[in-house]
Amino acid sequence: MPTRTTGAIAQDWEPVILHKSKPKAQDLRNPKAVNQALRIGAEVLTLKKNTAGSNKKSAGPVVSARKLDEAAEPAALERVGGEVRHTIQKARLDKKMSQAELAKQINERVQVVQEYENGKAVPNQLVLGKMERVLGVKLRGKIGK
């Protein structure tokens, strides 16, 4: 059997008050909640928006993406020079190789070799180094030396 404590048993008869939780901000914006608060006479906060009635969403001046790109980077990239193009073509033809054979030996696509010979490619030092080894000519740095 459970043991009982000896002595007077005291009870706490103070009232316990339960409070409602604060309404969420989303509920306060609900039109039904606003109308009910107005009916009761509760305080309702109203804000005047600057762009009310207009179709504009942005606050500041709009800068186009193209202008930002032009400001951050130069407009045109450096392409393969005419002297390098002719050197690649001449060395390839002297070795009696086609563009496809050269591309296979340097482990690149045929299109890469075509772009270098047409002057449309942006120079890549790794590709130029591979071409130098296979063709036996100098393509990087000063060619006139």
Protein backbone atom coordinates (compact mmCIF):
# COMPACT_ATOMS: atom_id res chain seq x y z
CA MET A 1 0.00 0.00 0.00
CA PRO A 2 1.16 3.47 -0.70
CA THR A 3 2.35 5.45 2.23
CA ARG A 4 0.78 8.75 3.07
CA THR A 5 2.58 11.72 4.36
CA THR A 6 1.67 12.89 7.73
CA GLY A 7 0.69 16.48 8.10
CA ALA A 8 -1.78 18.88 6.65
CA ILE A 9 -2.53 18.75 2.99
CA ALA A 10 -2.57 22.20 1.42
CA GLN A 11 -4.31 23.20 -1.75
CA ASP A 12 -3.41 26.14 -3.99
CA TRP A 13 -6.64 27.88 -4.95
CA GLU A 14 -5.09 30.68 -7.01
CA PRO A 15 -6.80 31.10 -10.38
CA VAL A 16 -4.97 29.98 -13.52
CA ILE A 17 -5.34 32.39 -16.44
CA LEU A 18 -4.94 31.08 -19.99
CA HIS A 19 -4.13 33.66 -22.66
CA LYS A 20 -4.91 33.40 -26.33
CA SER A 21 -1.90 33.29 -28.62
CA LYS A 22 -1.18 36.40 -30.66
CA PRO A 23 -2.66 36.32 -34.13
CA LYS A 24 -0.20 35.72 -36.96
CA ALA A 25 0.67 38.53 -39.36
CA GLN A 26 -0.95 36.65 -42.22
CA ASP A 27 -4.22 36.41 -40.28
CA LEU A 28 -4.12 40.15 -39.57
CA ARG A 29 -4.04 40.89 -43.31
CA ASN A 30 -7.04 38.69 -43.97
CA PRO A 31 -9.96 40.91 -45.09
CA LYS A 32 -12.41 39.06 -42.84
CA ALA A 33 -10.23 39.69 -39.78
CA VAL A 34 -9.86 43.38 -40.67
CA ASN A 35 -13.63 43.80 -41.10
CA GLN A 36 -14.29 42.06 -37.79
CA ALA A 37 -11.77 44.33 -36.01
CA LEU A 38 -13.46 47.38 -37.54
CA ARG A 39 -16.89 46.17 -36.31
CA ILE A 40 -15.59 45.59 -32.80
CA GLY A 41 -13.86 48.96 -32.77
CA ALA A 42 -10.35 47.59 -32.39
CA GLU A 43 -7.35 49.49 -33.69
CA VAL A 44 -6.53 48.79 -37.35
CA LEU A 45 -3.22 49.82 -38.88
CA THR A 46 -3.33 51.18 -42.43
CA LEU A 47 -0.30 51.89 -44.61
CA LYS A 48 -0.12 54.11 -47.67
CA LYS A 49 2.01 52.48 -50.36
CA ASN A 50 4.17 54.65 -52.62
CA THR A 51 3.44 52.74 -55.80
CA ALA A 52 -0.24 52.10 -55.18
CA GLY A 53 -2.19 52.18 -58.40
CA SER A 54 0.85 52.01 -60.64
CA ASN A 55 2.23 49.08 -62.54
CA LYS A 56 5.84 49.50 -61.37
CA LYS A 57 7.36 46.88 -59.11
CA SER A 58 10.93 48.15 -58.76
CA ALA A 59 12.02 50.86 -56.39
CA GLY A 60 15.29 51.98 -58.01
CA PRO A 61 16.55 52.71 -61.49
CA VAL A 62 16.57 49.72 -63.82
CA VAL A 63 19.86 48.77 -65.48
CA SER A 64 19.72 46.32 -68.34
CA ALA A 65 21.63 43.05 -68.08
CA ARG A 66 23.51 43.80 -71.31
CA LYS A 67 24.93 47.04 -69.90
CA LEU A 68 26.05 45.22 -66.76
CA ASP A 69 27.81 42.56 -68.82
CA GLU A 70 29.56 45.13 -71.00
CA ALA A 71 30.77 47.02 -67.93
CA ALA A 72 32.14 43.87 -66.28
CA GLU A 73 33.77 42.22 -69.29
CA PRO A 74 35.28 43.43 -72.55
CA ALA A 75 32.86 43.17 -75.45
CA ALA A 76 35.11 41.16 -77.81
CA LEU A 77 37.39 38.28 -76.89
CA GLU A 78 40.84 37.97 -78.37
CA ARG A 79 40.95 35.61 -81.36
CA VAL A 80 43.79 33.66 -82.95
CA GLY A 81 46.04 36.04 -84.88
CA GLY A 82 46.70 35.82 -88.62
CA GLU A 83 50.34 34.87 -88.17
CA VAL A 84 49.47 31.92 -85.91
CA ARG A 85 46.72 30.76 -88.32
CA HIS A 86 49.09 30.70 -91.28
CA THR A 87 51.83 28.98 -89.27
CA ILE A 88 49.45 26.18 -88.25
CA GLN A 89 48.22 25.71 -91.84
CA LYS A 90 51.70 25.79 -93.35
CA ALA A 91 53.18 23.34 -90.81
CA ARG A 92 50.23 20.96 -91.22
CA LEU A 93 50.49 21.01 -95.02
CA ASP A 94 54.30 20.56 -94.86
CA LYS A 95 53.75 17.39 -92.82
CA LYS A 96 51.04 16.34 -95.35
CA MET A 97 48.38 16.03 -92.65
CA SER A 98 44.67 16.71 -92.91
CA GLN A 99 42.78 18.67 -90.28
CA ALA A 100 41.20 15.42 -89.10
CA GLU A 101 44.60 13.74 -88.66
CA LEU A 102 45.95 16.72 -86.70
CA ALA A 103 42.85 16.76 -84.51
CA LYS A 104 43.25 13.05 -83.79
CA GLN A 105 46.92 13.43 -82.84
CA ILE A 106 46.27 16.33 -80.44
CA ASN A 107 43.16 14.62 -79.02
CA GLU A 108 40.74 17.41 -80.01
CA ARG A 109 37.73 17.65 -82.33
CA VAL A 110 38.18 18.50 -86.01
CA GLN A 111 36.09 21.63 -85.40
CA VAL A 112 38.76 22.94 -82.99
CA VAL A 113 41.46 22.70 -85.64
CA GLN A 114 39.18 24.37 -88.19
CA GLU A 115 38.45 27.25 -85.81
CA TYR A 116 42.18 27.80 -85.17
CA GLU A 117 42.97 27.82 -88.89
CA ASN A 118 40.04 30.14 -89.68
CA GLY A 119 40.91 32.55 -86.84
CA LYS A 120 37.58 32.10 -85.05
CA ALA A 121 38.94 30.32 -81.96
CA VAL A 122 39.87 31.97 -78.68
CA PRO A 123 43.49 30.86 -78.10
CA ASN A 124 43.93 28.14 -75.48
CA GLN A 125 47.51 27.59 -74.33
CA LEU A 126 47.00 23.84 -73.86
CA VAL A 127 45.73 23.33 -77.41
CA LEU A 128 48.49 25.51 -78.84
CA GLY A 129 51.05 23.48 -76.87
CA LYS A 130 49.72 20.22 -78.30
CA MET A 131 49.86 21.65 -81.83
CA GLU A 132 53.44 22.83 -81.27
CA ARG A 133 54.53 19.32 -80.25
CA VAL A 134 52.82 17.57 -83.17
CA LEU A 135 53.69 20.12 -85.87
CA GLY A 136 57.18 20.98 -84.59
CA VAL A 137 56.68 24.77 -84.82
CA LYS A 138 56.45 27.56 -82.27
CA LEU A 139 52.93 29.03 -81.95
CA ARG A 140 53.06 30.73 -78.55
CA GLY A 141 55.08 33.78 -77.60
CA LYS A 142 57.12 35.76 -80.12
CA ILE A 143 57.22 33.87 -83.41
CA GLY A 144 59.86 36.13 -84.98
CA LYS A 145 62.65 34.91 -82.63
